[in-house]
Amino acid sequence: MEASSIFIGIDVSKERLDIESYPSGECQSMAHDDASIEGLVGQWRELRPRLIVLEATGGLERRISRALASAELRFTIVNPRHVRNFAKATGQLAKTDRMDALILARYAEAIRPAVRPLPDEATPGA
C-alpha cells in the first residue's frame, strides 16, 4: 500500500497527545492511554501517512512508538533541539502543545528525517 502525502506530528506529554496532520491542518488532542493510541493506530493503518514524527521526551514516547512499530507505520523519534531550531528558523517562537504538534508535522514534511527501527530488548541501553 502506498503512503499518502500526509505528515503527522505528535506532541507527547504524560497525560495527553496533541496531534497535527500536515498539510490538511486537522488537529486532535486526546488522553495518552492505550485506548486512544489503539484508535489512532487503527485510523493511521488506513490513512498510511508518509511519516509520523514525535520528539524524544525522556521515555514518554515509548508507549505510542511501540504501537506505531507494531502497526508497521513509518515514524521516527527526533531530537527536540533539532525541531526547536527548525521552529526558530521558520519564525515560530510561540510554544503551545498544539503548535509543537504542527511544527513536528511541518518538520516531517520539510526535513524528512530517516525512519529508524526501535531498539530491541537485546540492544544495550534500550
Protein backbone atom coordinates (compact mmCIF):
# COMPACT_ATOMS: atom_id res chain seq x y z
CA MET A 1 0.00 0.00 0.00
CA GLU A 2 1.41 3.39 -0.98
CA ALA A 3 1.85 6.10 1.63
CA SER A 4 -0.31 9.21 1.43
CA SER A 5 1.11 12.73 1.34
CA ILE A 6 0.11 13.34 4.97
CA PHE A 7 2.72 14.11 7.62
CA ILE A 8 1.77 13.78 11.28
CA GLY A 9 3.35 15.45 14.29
CA ILE A 10 2.65 14.20 17.80
CA ASP A 11 3.43 16.27 20.88
CA VAL A 12 3.64 13.73 23.71
CA SER A 13 3.08 14.59 27.34
CA LYS A 14 2.37 12.45 30.36
CA GLU A 15 -1.40 12.96 30.22
CA ARG A 16 -2.13 13.94 26.62
CA LEU A 17 -1.25 13.54 22.94
CA ASP A 18 -1.61 16.56 20.68
CA ILE A 19 -1.67 15.54 17.03
CA GLU A 20 -1.47 17.64 13.88
CA SER A 21 -1.78 16.46 10.28
CA TYR A 22 0.01 18.46 7.61
CA PRO A 23 -0.94 19.86 5.17
CA SER A 24 -4.60 19.19 5.99
CA GLY A 25 -4.44 21.09 9.29
CA GLU A 26 -6.51 18.51 11.15
CA CYS A 27 -5.71 18.52 14.84
CA GLN A 28 -6.68 16.29 17.72
CA SER A 29 -5.98 16.18 21.41
CA MET A 30 -6.62 13.04 23.42
CA ALA A 31 -5.66 11.14 26.50
CA HIS A 32 -2.27 9.44 26.46
CA ASP A 33 -3.62 5.97 27.13
CA ASP A 34 -3.78 2.58 25.44
CA ALA A 35 -7.36 3.01 24.16
CA SER A 36 -6.61 6.35 22.47
CA ILE A 37 -3.40 5.03 20.93
CA GLU A 38 -5.19 1.94 19.63
CA GLY A 39 -7.80 4.17 17.95
CA LEU A 40 -5.14 6.35 16.35
CA VAL A 41 -3.18 3.40 15.04
CA GLY A 42 -6.37 1.99 13.52
CA GLN A 43 -7.02 5.28 11.70
CA TRP A 44 -3.46 5.55 10.50
CA ARG A 45 -3.32 2.00 9.19
CA GLU A 46 -5.94 3.07 6.64
CA LEU A 47 -4.54 6.57 6.03
CA ARG A 48 -0.91 5.35 5.69
CA PRO A 49 0.71 8.73 6.44
CA ARG A 50 4.02 9.33 4.72
CA LEU A 51 5.73 9.97 8.07
CA ILE A 52 4.83 10.36 11.74
CA VAL A 53 7.25 12.38 13.88
CA LEU A 54 7.46 12.67 17.64
CA GLU A 55 10.14 14.07 19.91
CA ALA A 56 12.19 12.14 22.41
CA THR A 57 10.55 13.02 25.72
CA GLY A 58 12.51 11.10 28.31
CA GLY A 59 10.57 7.88 27.72
CA LEU A 60 7.01 9.21 27.47
CA GLU A 61 7.13 8.44 23.74
CA ARG A 62 7.71 4.70 24.27
CA ARG A 63 4.07 3.59 24.51
CA ILE A 64 3.00 5.19 21.24
CA SER A 65 6.23 4.34 19.43
CA ARG A 66 5.80 0.64 20.25
CA ALA A 67 2.24 0.77 18.91
CA LEU A 68 3.37 2.52 15.70
CA ALA A 69 6.15 -0.04 15.21
CA SER A 70 3.75 -2.95 15.76
CA ALA A 71 1.43 -1.49 13.12
CA GLU A 72 4.38 -1.09 10.72
CA LEU A 73 3.72 2.63 10.32
CA ARG A 74 6.53 4.91 9.18
CA PHE A 75 7.62 7.03 12.14
CA THR A 76 10.69 8.46 13.75
CA ILE A 77 11.64 9.93 17.09
CA VAL A 78 13.62 13.15 16.70
CA ASN A 79 15.87 15.29 18.85
CA PRO A 80 13.81 18.14 20.40
CA ARG A 81 16.68 20.59 19.85
CA HIS A 82 16.59 20.00 16.08
CA VAL A 83 12.86 20.67 16.00
CA ARG A 84 13.21 23.80 18.13
CA ASN A 85 15.90 25.11 15.76
CA PHE A 86 13.58 24.38 12.83
CA ALA A 87 10.77 26.29 14.57
CA LYS A 88 13.02 29.29 15.15
CA ALA A 89 14.18 29.21 11.53
CA THR A 90 10.56 29.37 10.37
CA GLY A 91 9.76 32.24 12.75
CA GLN A 92 7.64 30.15 15.11
CA LEU A 93 8.54 31.48 18.54
CA ALA A 94 5.32 30.84 20.45
CA LYS A 95 5.10 27.49 22.19
CA THR A 96 1.95 25.53 22.96
CA ASP A 97 1.32 21.79 22.69
CA ARG A 98 -0.78 22.26 19.56
CA MET A 99 1.86 24.47 17.94
CA ASP A 100 4.52 21.92 18.84
CA ALA A 101 2.49 19.22 17.07
CA LEU A 102 2.17 21.44 13.99
CA ILE A 103 5.90 22.19 13.97
CA LEU A 104 6.63 18.45 14.23
CA ALA A 105 4.37 17.77 11.23
CA ARG A 106 5.96 20.58 9.21
CA TYR A 107 9.43 19.33 10.23
CA ALA A 108 8.46 15.87 8.95
CA GLU A 109 7.41 17.30 5.58
CA ALA A 110 10.36 19.66 5.14
CA ILE A 111 13.24 17.64 6.58
CA ARG A 112 12.02 14.06 6.02
CA PRO A 113 14.08 12.60 8.87
CA ALA A 114 15.07 8.96 8.46
CA VAL A 115 12.78 6.27 9.79
CA ARG A 116 14.70 4.21 12.33
CA PRO A 117 13.64 0.94 13.93
CA LEU A 118 13.12 0.82 17.67
CA PRO A 119 15.92 -0.82 19.61
CA ASP A 120 15.06 -4.34 20.67
CA GLU A 121 15.41 -5.79 24.15
CA ALA A 122 18.91 -7.07 23.33
CA THR A 123 20.21 -3.59 22.44
CA PRO A 124 22.33 -2.12 25.27
CA GLY A 125 20.64 0.92 26.81
CA ALA A 126 17.23 0.11 25.27
